[in-house]
Every structure is written in structure tokens, then in C-alpha cells.
């Protein structure tokens, strides 16, 4: 029976593990996220409830864009929450 070849490389040893600090969100992130989501929802609700006859009237259809933009900002901030 033939002999197997001897290994030329040393056995793999993994590098020492570094303690990874858990990343924490900035303290302003959650209040800003919640405020943005609630304000966007309230903006759209006020626009619909008042039929556009409130202080939001000059913006016309752009009220929906503003409300949804605030909601999108809130969702984007929510993706960064740890």
C-alpha cells in the first residue's frame, strides 16, 4: 500500500475573534421616525377630511405628495433602526 503524501501547509487556524460592539441607533432616530410617520398620516387625513378646504388648500394635489414623502422618510429611517 502506498503512503499518502505529507502535508506541506500547516493546519488552518482561524484568526482570533474580535469582540464586535453591537451598533446602536442614534437617540434621535426613533422619535424622528415616529414623528415623520405620524405627521405624514395626519397630513393626508386632514387633507381628505377637510376636502382640501383647510390651510392645506394652496398646495392642492401636492398635499398627497407631501404626506407620502413624510411616510417614505419614516420608512427609510425605520430601516436604519437597530
N, C-alpha and C. Protein backbone atom coordinates (compact mmCIF):
# COMPACT_ATOMS: atom_id res chain seq x y z
N UNK A 1 0.83 -1.17 0.00
CA UNK A 1 0.00 0.00 0.00
C UNK A 1 0.89 1.24 0.00
N UNK A 2 0.64 2.19 -0.93
CA UNK A 2 1.47 3.39 -0.97
C UNK A 2 1.15 4.33 0.19
N UNK A 3 2.17 5.05 0.59
CA UNK A 3 2.00 6.03 1.67
C UNK A 3 1.41 7.31 1.10
N UNK A 4 0.53 7.96 1.87
CA UNK A 4 0.00 9.25 1.44
C UNK A 4 1.04 10.33 1.63
N UNK A 5 0.89 11.37 0.83
CA UNK A 5 1.87 12.44 0.92
C UNK A 5 1.69 13.22 2.21
N UNK A 6 2.76 13.76 2.70
CA UNK A 6 2.73 14.56 3.92
C UNK A 6 2.31 15.98 3.57
N UNK A 7 1.51 16.51 4.41
CA UNK A 7 1.01 17.85 4.21
C UNK A 7 2.11 18.88 4.36
N UNK A 8 2.20 19.82 3.40
CA UNK A 8 3.25 20.83 3.45
C UNK A 8 2.80 22.09 4.19
N UNK A 9 1.49 22.37 4.15
CA UNK A 9 0.97 23.57 4.81
C UNK A 9 0.57 23.23 6.24
N UNK A 10 0.71 24.19 7.14
CA UNK A 10 0.21 23.93 8.50
C UNK A 10 -1.31 23.90 8.50
N UNK A 11 -1.88 23.32 9.50
CA UNK A 11 -3.32 23.24 9.63
C UNK A 11 -3.89 24.64 9.82
N UNK A 12 -5.03 24.88 9.19
CA UNK A 12 -5.65 26.21 9.26
C UNK A 12 -6.08 26.51 10.69
N UNK A 13 -5.68 27.68 11.15
CA UNK A 13 -6.17 28.16 12.44
C UNK A 13 -6.85 29.50 12.18
N UNK A 14 -8.08 29.64 12.59
CA UNK A 14 -8.79 30.89 12.33
C UNK A 14 -8.18 32.04 13.12
N UNK A 15 -8.31 33.25 12.58
CA UNK A 15 -7.77 34.41 13.30
C UNK A 15 -8.53 34.60 14.62
N UNK A 16 -7.88 35.21 15.57
CA UNK A 16 -8.57 35.43 16.85
C UNK A 16 -9.80 36.30 16.66
N UNK A 17 -10.86 35.93 17.31
CA UNK A 17 -12.11 36.69 17.14
C UNK A 17 -12.02 38.01 17.90
N UNK A 18 -12.48 39.04 17.23
CA UNK A 18 -12.51 40.35 17.85
C UNK A 18 -13.91 40.56 18.39
N UNK A 19 -13.97 41.15 19.54
CA UNK A 19 -15.30 41.40 20.11
C UNK A 19 -15.95 42.53 19.32
N UNK A 20 -17.05 42.21 18.67
CA UNK A 20 -17.75 43.21 17.87
C UNK A 20 -18.75 43.93 18.77
N UNK A 21 -18.62 45.24 18.79
CA UNK A 21 -19.57 46.02 19.57
C UNK A 21 -20.88 46.10 18.79
N UNK A 22 -21.94 45.92 19.48
CA UNK A 22 -23.25 45.99 18.85
C UNK A 22 -23.57 47.44 18.54
N UNK A 23 -23.91 47.67 17.28
CA UNK A 23 -24.22 49.04 16.88
C UNK A 23 -25.58 49.43 17.44
N UNK A 24 -25.65 50.64 17.91
CA UNK A 24 -26.88 51.15 18.50
C UNK A 24 -27.30 52.37 17.69
N UNK A 25 -28.59 52.51 17.52
CA UNK A 25 -29.12 53.66 16.76
C UNK A 25 -28.86 54.96 17.52
N UNK A 26 -28.84 56.02 16.76
CA UNK A 26 -28.71 57.34 17.36
C UNK A 26 -29.98 57.62 18.17
N UNK A 27 -29.86 58.36 19.25
CA UNK A 27 -31.04 58.60 20.09
C UNK A 27 -32.14 59.41 19.40
N UNK A 28 -31.82 60.13 18.35
CA UNK A 28 -32.82 60.94 17.67
C UNK A 28 -33.59 60.15 16.61
N UNK A 29 -33.12 58.96 16.28
CA UNK A 29 -33.70 58.23 15.14
C UNK A 29 -35.14 57.80 15.38
N UNK A 30 -35.41 57.16 16.49
CA UNK A 30 -36.77 56.64 16.73
C UNK A 30 -37.80 57.76 16.86
N UNK A 31 -37.53 58.82 17.64
CA UNK A 31 -38.54 59.90 17.69
C UNK A 31 -38.77 60.56 16.34
N UNK A 32 -37.70 60.73 15.56
CA UNK A 32 -37.85 61.34 14.24
C UNK A 32 -38.64 60.43 13.31
N UNK A 33 -38.36 59.13 13.38
CA UNK A 33 -39.07 58.17 12.55
C UNK A 33 -40.56 58.17 12.87
N UNK A 34 -40.90 58.08 14.16
CA UNK A 34 -42.30 58.05 14.56
C UNK A 34 -43.01 59.36 14.21
N UNK A 35 -42.33 60.47 14.45
CA UNK A 35 -42.93 61.77 14.13
C UNK A 35 -43.19 61.90 12.64
N UNK A 36 -42.27 61.43 11.83
CA UNK A 36 -42.44 61.51 10.38
C UNK A 36 -43.60 60.64 9.91
N UNK A 37 -43.70 59.44 10.43
CA UNK A 37 -44.79 58.54 10.04
C UNK A 37 -46.15 59.11 10.47
N UNK A 38 -46.23 59.58 11.70
CA UNK A 38 -47.50 60.10 12.21
C UNK A 38 -47.88 61.40 11.52
N UNK A 39 -46.90 62.28 11.31
CA UNK A 39 -47.18 63.55 10.64
C UNK A 39 -47.63 63.33 9.20
N UNK A 40 -47.00 62.40 8.50
CA UNK A 40 -47.41 62.09 7.12
C UNK A 40 -48.83 61.56 7.07
N UNK A 41 -49.15 60.66 7.98
CA UNK A 41 -50.51 60.12 8.03
C UNK A 41 -51.52 61.20 8.39
N UNK A 42 -51.18 62.04 9.36
CA UNK A 42 -52.08 63.12 9.76
C UNK A 42 -52.27 64.13 8.63
N UNK A 43 -51.20 64.42 7.88
CA UNK A 43 -51.28 65.37 6.76
C UNK A 43 -52.30 64.89 5.74
N UNK A 44 -52.20 63.62 5.36
CA UNK A 44 -53.12 63.06 4.37
C UNK A 44 -54.54 62.99 4.93
N UNK A 45 -54.68 62.62 6.20
CA UNK A 45 -56.00 62.51 6.81
C UNK A 45 -56.68 63.88 6.87
N UNK A 46 -55.96 64.91 7.27
CA UNK A 46 -56.54 66.26 7.35
C UNK A 46 -56.95 66.73 5.96
N UNK A 47 -56.13 66.45 4.98
CA UNK A 47 -56.45 66.86 3.61
C UNK A 47 -57.75 66.21 3.14
N UNK A 48 -57.92 64.93 3.42
CA UNK A 48 -59.13 64.24 2.99
C UNK A 48 -60.35 64.62 3.82
N UNK A 49 -60.19 64.75 5.10
CA UNK A 49 -61.32 65.06 5.97
C UNK A 49 -61.89 66.44 5.67
N UNK A 50 -61.01 67.40 5.39
CA UNK A 50 -61.47 68.76 5.13
C UNK A 50 -61.75 69.00 3.65
N UNK A 51 -61.63 67.99 2.82
CA UNK A 51 -61.83 68.12 1.37
C UNK A 51 -60.96 69.21 0.75
N UNK A 52 -59.78 69.40 1.31
CA UNK A 52 -58.85 70.38 0.78
C UNK A 52 -59.23 71.82 1.07
N UNK A 53 -60.14 72.06 2.02
CA UNK A 53 -60.59 73.42 2.31
C UNK A 53 -59.91 74.01 3.54
N UNK A 54 -58.84 73.43 3.99
CA UNK A 54 -58.15 73.93 5.19
C UNK A 54 -56.95 74.77 4.79
N UNK A 55 -56.05 74.95 5.72
CA UNK A 55 -54.82 75.70 5.44
C UNK A 55 -53.96 75.00 4.39
N UNK A 56 -54.30 73.75 4.05
CA UNK A 56 -53.55 72.99 3.06
C UNK A 56 -54.04 73.25 1.64
N UNK A 57 -55.07 74.06 1.48
CA UNK A 57 -55.70 74.28 0.18
C UNK A 57 -54.75 74.80 -0.90
N UNK A 58 -53.83 75.73 -0.59
CA UNK A 58 -52.99 76.26 -1.67
C UNK A 58 -52.11 75.19 -2.35
N UNK A 59 -51.83 74.11 -1.66
CA UNK A 59 -50.97 73.09 -2.26
C UNK A 59 -51.74 72.18 -3.21
N UNK A 60 -53.03 72.10 -3.07
CA UNK A 60 -53.83 71.28 -3.96
C UNK A 60 -53.45 69.80 -3.87
N UNK A 61 -53.23 69.20 -5.01
CA UNK A 61 -52.88 67.77 -5.07
C UNK A 61 -51.51 67.45 -4.51
N UNK A 62 -50.69 68.45 -4.34
CA UNK A 62 -49.35 68.23 -3.79
C UNK A 62 -49.39 67.83 -2.32
N UNK A 63 -50.55 67.98 -1.70
CA UNK A 63 -50.68 67.53 -0.32
C UNK A 63 -50.43 66.04 -0.19
N UNK A 64 -50.89 65.28 -1.15
CA UNK A 64 -50.64 63.83 -1.12
C UNK A 64 -49.15 63.54 -1.26
N UNK A 65 -48.48 64.27 -2.12
CA UNK A 65 -47.04 64.06 -2.30
C UNK A 65 -46.31 64.38 -1.01
N UNK A 66 -46.68 65.47 -0.36
CA UNK A 66 -46.03 65.85 0.90
C UNK A 66 -46.27 64.79 1.98
N UNK A 67 -47.50 64.33 2.10
CA UNK A 67 -47.82 63.32 3.11
C UNK A 67 -47.09 62.01 2.86
N UNK A 68 -47.11 61.55 1.61
CA UNK A 68 -46.41 60.31 1.30
C UNK A 68 -44.90 60.45 1.40
N UNK A 69 -44.38 61.64 1.12
CA UNK A 69 -42.94 61.87 1.27
C UNK A 69 -42.54 61.74 2.75
N UNK A 70 -43.36 62.26 3.64
CA UNK A 70 -43.07 62.12 5.08
C UNK A 70 -43.14 60.65 5.50
N UNK A 71 -44.09 59.92 4.96
CA UNK A 71 -44.19 58.50 5.30
C UNK A 71 -42.98 57.74 4.76
N UNK A 72 -42.53 58.06 3.56
CA UNK A 72 -41.35 57.40 2.99
C UNK A 72 -40.11 57.71 3.82
N UNK A 73 -39.98 58.95 4.28
CA UNK A 73 -38.85 59.30 5.15
C UNK A 73 -38.88 58.47 6.42
N UNK A 74 -40.07 58.28 6.98
CA UNK A 74 -40.21 57.45 8.18
C UNK A 74 -39.82 56.01 7.93
N UNK A 75 -40.19 55.47 6.78
CA UNK A 75 -39.83 54.08 6.45
C UNK A 75 -38.34 53.95 6.23
N UNK A 76 -37.73 54.92 5.57
CA UNK A 76 -36.28 54.88 5.36
C UNK A 76 -35.55 54.94 6.70
N UNK A 77 -36.03 55.78 7.61
CA UNK A 77 -35.40 55.84 8.93
C UNK A 77 -35.60 54.52 9.69
N UNK A 78 -36.74 53.87 9.46
CA UNK A 78 -37.00 52.60 10.14
C UNK A 78 -36.03 51.51 9.70
N UNK A 79 -35.53 51.60 8.48
CA UNK A 79 -34.57 50.58 8.01
C UNK A 79 -33.21 50.76 8.68
N UNK A 80 -32.95 51.92 9.23
CA UNK A 80 -31.67 52.16 9.92
C UNK A 80 -31.74 51.92 11.42
N UNK A 81 -32.89 51.54 11.92
CA UNK A 81 -33.09 51.35 13.35
C UNK A 81 -32.48 50.03 13.78
N UNK A 82 -31.64 50.06 14.80
CA UNK A 82 -31.01 48.84 15.32
C UNK A 82 -31.37 48.67 16.76
